[in-house]
N, C-alpha and C. Protein backbone atom coordinates (compact mmCIF):
# COMPACT_ATOMS: atom_id res chain seq x y z
N MET A 1 75.69 107.60 85.58
CA MET A 1 76.61 108.65 85.21
C MET A 1 75.77 109.98 85.20
N MET A 2 76.65 110.94 85.24
CA MET A 2 76.14 112.29 85.11
C MET A 2 76.05 112.83 83.78
N LYS A 3 75.04 113.42 83.27
CA LYS A 3 74.85 114.25 82.04
C LYS A 3 74.95 115.74 82.27
N PRO A 4 76.02 116.36 81.67
CA PRO A 4 76.14 117.69 81.90
C PRO A 4 75.29 118.60 81.06
N LEU A 5 75.01 119.81 81.55
CA LEU A 5 74.05 120.69 80.73
C LEU A 5 75.05 121.62 80.11
N TYR A 6 74.49 121.93 78.88
CA TYR A 6 74.96 123.08 77.86
C TYR A 6 76.37 122.97 77.70
N ASP A 7 77.51 123.88 78.02
CA ASP A 7 78.75 123.93 77.77
C ASP A 7 79.54 123.18 78.80
N ARG A 8 78.96 122.42 79.75
CA ARG A 8 79.88 121.67 80.82
C ARG A 8 80.41 120.41 80.26
N VAL A 9 81.59 120.14 80.85
CA VAL A 9 82.13 118.80 80.60
C VAL A 9 82.58 118.11 81.95
N VAL A 10 82.26 116.79 81.81
CA VAL A 10 82.63 115.97 83.15
C VAL A 10 84.04 115.26 82.66
N VAL A 11 84.92 115.38 83.76
CA VAL A 11 86.24 115.01 83.62
C VAL A 11 86.65 114.12 84.61
N ARG A 12 87.35 112.96 84.28
CA ARG A 12 87.94 112.17 85.34
C ARG A 12 89.46 112.51 85.38
N GLN A 13 89.98 113.07 86.34
CA GLN A 13 91.27 113.58 86.53
C GLN A 13 92.32 112.39 86.68
N LYS A 14 93.29 112.52 85.93
CA LYS A 14 94.44 111.42 85.87
C LYS A 14 94.96 111.19 87.04
N GLU A 15 95.50 110.12 87.52
CA GLU A 15 95.89 109.90 88.90
C GLU A 15 97.37 110.20 89.02
N GLU A 16 97.77 110.87 90.02
CA GLU A 16 99.06 111.31 90.16
C GLU A 16 100.09 110.08 90.60
N GLU A 17 101.36 110.39 90.18
CA GLU A 17 102.30 109.31 90.46
C GLU A 17 102.75 109.18 91.86
N ASP A 18 102.89 108.07 92.60
CA ASP A 18 103.19 107.84 93.92
C ASP A 18 104.73 108.02 94.13
N VAL A 19 105.42 107.97 93.02
CA VAL A 19 107.05 108.12 93.18
C VAL A 19 107.61 108.83 92.26
N THR A 20 108.48 109.78 92.52
CA THR A 20 109.05 110.73 91.53
C THR A 20 109.97 109.99 90.61
N ALA A 21 110.40 110.70 89.57
CA ALA A 21 111.46 110.06 88.69
C ALA A 21 112.84 109.64 89.41
N GLY A 22 113.13 110.39 90.47
CA GLY A 22 114.29 110.00 91.19
C GLY A 22 114.25 108.99 92.43
N GLY A 23 112.85 108.32 92.34
CA GLY A 23 112.55 107.25 93.14
C GLY A 23 112.09 107.64 94.62
N ILE A 24 111.77 108.92 94.77
CA ILE A 24 111.14 109.40 96.05
C ILE A 24 109.67 109.25 96.17
N VAL A 25 109.27 108.61 97.06
CA VAL A 25 107.96 108.19 97.42
C VAL A 25 107.34 109.55 98.06
N LEU A 26 106.16 110.02 97.48
CA LEU A 26 105.54 111.24 97.96
C LEU A 26 104.32 110.76 98.78
N ALA A 27 104.27 111.59 99.97
CA ALA A 27 103.11 111.46 100.72
C ALA A 27 101.84 112.14 100.17
N GLY A 28 100.66 111.61 100.70
CA GLY A 28 99.44 112.18 99.98
C GLY A 28 99.41 113.71 100.01
N THR A 29 99.77 114.28 100.99
CA THR A 29 99.56 115.71 100.98
C THR A 29 100.67 116.38 100.12
N ALA A 30 101.66 115.75 99.87
CA ALA A 30 102.78 116.34 99.05
C ALA A 30 102.53 116.12 97.63
N LYS A 31 101.53 115.44 97.20
CA LYS A 31 101.13 115.29 95.84
C LYS A 31 100.40 116.46 95.19
N GLU A 32 100.81 116.78 94.00
CA GLU A 32 100.04 117.92 93.36
C GLU A 32 99.27 117.26 92.27
N LYS A 33 97.79 117.65 92.28
CA LYS A 33 96.97 116.96 91.24
C LYS A 33 97.44 117.31 89.86
N PRO A 34 97.39 116.47 88.94
CA PRO A 34 97.83 116.69 87.58
C PRO A 34 96.73 117.74 86.95
N LEU A 35 97.15 118.24 85.86
CA LEU A 35 96.23 119.37 85.20
C LEU A 35 95.76 118.51 83.78
N GLN A 36 95.65 117.39 83.76
CA GLN A 36 94.99 116.60 82.89
C GLN A 36 93.93 115.65 83.22
N GLY A 37 93.10 115.31 82.26
CA GLY A 37 92.27 114.41 82.52
C GLY A 37 91.60 113.89 81.27
N GLU A 38 90.59 112.96 81.52
CA GLU A 38 89.84 112.22 80.43
C GLU A 38 88.42 112.81 80.53
N VAL A 39 87.98 113.33 79.33
CA VAL A 39 86.45 113.80 79.30
C VAL A 39 85.62 112.44 79.25
N ILE A 40 84.63 112.39 80.16
CA ILE A 40 83.68 111.23 80.24
C ILE A 40 82.24 111.52 79.84
N ALA A 41 81.95 112.80 79.70
CA ALA A 41 80.72 113.22 79.56
C ALA A 41 80.62 114.77 79.06
N VAL A 42 79.89 115.02 77.93
CA VAL A 42 79.77 116.60 77.54
C VAL A 42 78.30 116.76 77.36
N GLY A 43 78.11 118.27 77.76
CA GLY A 43 76.73 118.79 77.39
C GLY A 43 76.54 118.92 75.85
N GLU A 44 75.12 119.57 75.56
CA GLU A 44 74.87 119.67 74.26
C GLU A 44 75.74 120.73 73.44
N GLY A 45 76.26 121.79 74.33
CA GLY A 45 76.90 122.75 73.62
C GLY A 45 76.54 124.12 74.15
N HIS A 46 77.25 125.23 73.55
CA HIS A 46 77.10 126.61 73.94
C HIS A 46 75.58 127.08 73.45
N LEU A 47 74.77 127.67 74.31
CA LEU A 47 73.61 128.23 73.90
C LEU A 47 73.91 129.76 73.45
N LEU A 48 73.69 129.95 72.31
CA LEU A 48 74.01 131.18 71.65
C LEU A 48 72.82 132.32 71.79
N ASP A 49 73.14 133.59 71.58
CA ASP A 49 72.00 134.47 71.91
C ASP A 49 70.73 134.19 71.05
N ASP A 50 70.94 133.72 69.83
CA ASP A 50 69.88 133.47 68.85
C ASP A 50 69.06 132.13 69.18
N GLY A 51 69.40 131.61 70.42
CA GLY A 51 68.65 130.35 70.74
C GLY A 51 69.32 128.93 70.06
N THR A 52 70.12 129.21 69.30
CA THR A 52 70.82 127.90 68.66
C THR A 52 71.93 127.40 69.70
N VAL A 53 72.17 126.17 69.24
CA VAL A 53 73.34 125.49 70.33
C VAL A 53 74.49 125.10 69.35
N LYS A 54 75.75 125.68 69.70
CA LYS A 54 76.99 125.33 69.08
C LYS A 54 77.59 123.97 69.89
N PRO A 55 77.81 123.03 69.13
CA PRO A 55 78.41 121.83 69.81
C PRO A 55 79.89 122.25 70.19
N LEU A 56 80.14 121.40 71.38
CA LEU A 56 81.52 121.66 72.08
C LEU A 56 82.53 120.97 71.13
N SER A 57 83.85 121.53 71.29
CA SER A 57 85.01 120.92 70.66
C SER A 57 85.55 119.61 71.17
N VAL A 58 85.13 119.27 72.35
CA VAL A 58 85.73 118.07 73.02
C VAL A 58 84.45 117.12 73.03
N GLU A 59 85.03 115.74 73.13
CA GLU A 59 84.05 114.71 73.23
C GLU A 59 84.61 113.62 74.17
N PRO A 60 83.68 112.81 74.77
CA PRO A 60 84.17 111.68 75.62
C PRO A 60 85.29 110.93 74.89
N GLY A 61 86.11 110.62 75.89
CA GLY A 61 87.56 109.97 75.40
C GLY A 61 88.68 110.77 75.26
N ASP A 62 88.44 112.02 74.92
CA ASP A 62 89.43 113.11 74.67
C ASP A 62 90.22 113.22 75.96
N THR A 63 91.65 113.54 75.94
CA THR A 63 92.56 113.87 77.02
C THR A 63 92.68 115.31 77.10
N ILE A 64 92.46 115.99 77.98
CA ILE A 64 92.60 117.43 77.95
C ILE A 64 93.48 117.95 78.84
N VAL A 65 93.83 119.17 78.86
CA VAL A 65 94.78 120.02 79.69
C VAL A 65 93.99 121.16 80.16
N PHE A 66 94.04 121.45 81.51
CA PHE A 66 93.23 122.48 81.97
C PHE A 66 93.94 123.16 83.34
N GLY A 67 93.51 124.42 83.71
CA GLY A 67 94.22 124.96 84.92
C GLY A 67 93.97 124.46 86.22
N LYS A 68 94.68 124.78 87.23
CA LYS A 68 94.45 124.46 88.53
C LYS A 68 93.21 124.80 88.97
N ALA A 69 92.66 125.90 88.91
CA ALA A 69 91.31 126.38 89.49
C ALA A 69 90.19 125.95 88.63
N ALA A 70 90.31 125.13 87.62
CA ALA A 70 89.18 124.85 86.79
C ALA A 70 88.14 123.79 87.39
N GLY A 71 87.06 124.05 87.16
CA GLY A 71 85.95 123.06 87.50
C GLY A 71 85.68 123.00 89.10
N LYS A 72 84.65 122.14 89.21
CA LYS A 72 84.22 121.92 90.72
C LYS A 72 84.08 120.52 90.81
N THR A 73 84.65 119.85 91.88
CA THR A 73 84.72 118.49 92.32
C THR A 73 83.28 118.21 92.75
N VAL A 74 82.88 117.03 92.02
CA VAL A 74 81.64 116.49 92.69
C VAL A 74 81.74 114.91 92.85
N GLU A 75 80.88 114.35 93.67
CA GLU A 75 81.13 112.88 93.80
C GLU A 75 79.74 112.21 93.23
N VAL A 76 80.18 111.29 92.22
CA VAL A 76 79.20 110.55 91.37
C VAL A 76 79.44 109.21 91.64
N ASP A 77 78.43 108.32 92.06
CA ASP A 77 78.63 107.00 92.52
C ASP A 77 79.91 106.76 93.07
N GLY A 78 80.28 107.23 94.17
CA GLY A 78 81.48 107.12 94.84
C GLY A 78 82.78 107.45 94.21
N GLU A 79 82.76 108.13 93.03
CA GLU A 79 83.94 108.61 92.33
C GLU A 79 84.07 110.23 92.21
N GLU A 80 85.18 110.66 92.55
CA GLU A 80 85.41 112.07 92.46
C GLU A 80 85.51 112.45 90.93
N LEU A 81 84.68 113.52 90.46
CA LEU A 81 84.82 113.92 89.14
C LEU A 81 84.99 115.41 89.10
N LEU A 82 85.37 116.02 87.98
CA LEU A 82 85.42 117.41 87.97
C LEU A 82 84.30 117.70 86.80
N VAL A 83 83.66 118.80 87.10
CA VAL A 83 82.80 119.56 86.19
C VAL A 83 83.14 120.92 85.89
N MET A 84 83.44 121.08 84.59
CA MET A 84 83.85 122.50 84.25
C MET A 84 83.18 122.95 82.96
N VAL A 85 83.36 124.18 82.68
CA VAL A 85 82.82 124.73 81.36
C VAL A 85 83.79 124.63 80.40
N GLU A 86 83.56 124.49 79.16
CA GLU A 86 84.42 124.14 78.03
C GLU A 86 85.62 125.30 78.08
N SER A 87 85.32 126.52 78.37
CA SER A 87 86.24 127.54 78.33
C SER A 87 87.40 127.41 79.18
N GLU A 88 87.25 126.53 80.23
CA GLU A 88 88.40 126.29 81.28
C GLU A 88 89.51 125.39 80.70
N ILE A 89 88.98 124.77 79.57
CA ILE A 89 89.94 123.72 79.02
C ILE A 89 90.87 124.56 78.11
N TYR A 90 92.35 124.24 78.25
CA TYR A 90 93.41 124.82 77.43
C TYR A 90 93.38 124.17 76.09
N GLY A 91 93.39 122.81 76.12
CA GLY A 91 93.55 122.18 74.78
C GLY A 91 93.37 120.53 75.05
N ILE A 92 93.35 119.93 73.82
CA ILE A 92 93.22 118.42 73.76
C ILE A 92 94.52 117.87 73.30
N LEU A 93 95.13 116.77 74.20
CA LEU A 93 96.32 116.17 74.11
C LEU A 93 96.24 115.24 73.02
N ASN A 94 95.20 114.38 73.03
CA ASN A 94 94.85 113.30 72.00
C ASN A 94 93.41 113.25 71.93
N GLU A 95 92.96 113.09 70.58
CA GLU A 95 91.59 113.19 70.33
C GLU A 95 91.12 111.61 70.12
N SER A 96 89.84 111.36 70.74
CA SER A 96 89.47 110.01 70.67
C SER A 96 88.89 109.64 69.25
N ARG A 97 88.52 110.67 68.54
CA ARG A 97 87.97 110.45 67.20
C ARG A 97 89.09 110.57 66.22
N ALA A 98 88.73 109.70 65.03
CA ALA A 98 89.67 109.83 63.85
C ALA A 98 89.70 111.08 63.26
N SER A 99 91.02 111.62 62.87
CA SER A 99 90.87 112.93 62.24
C SER A 99 90.97 112.73 60.64
């Protein structure tokens, strides 16, 4: 597994649906990747000017929402993952930790 540095987050993008709600089967090129994913690894946090590290707001298991241009696709152990900085994340849909 990949361990991201500082404020970077590794995300497994959710799989897109093959069939629309109306029952139309989408070809691979017609599918649009969703803007949600599961956080699978996080870095230590933001490195602040004074040298301290502020922990990230997300943690592994969180389902997040992010923009189309967010992150960079990398291949790790044969799996395509996204690596993005925390500031590219719009929000958390459900948190893995107890509130």
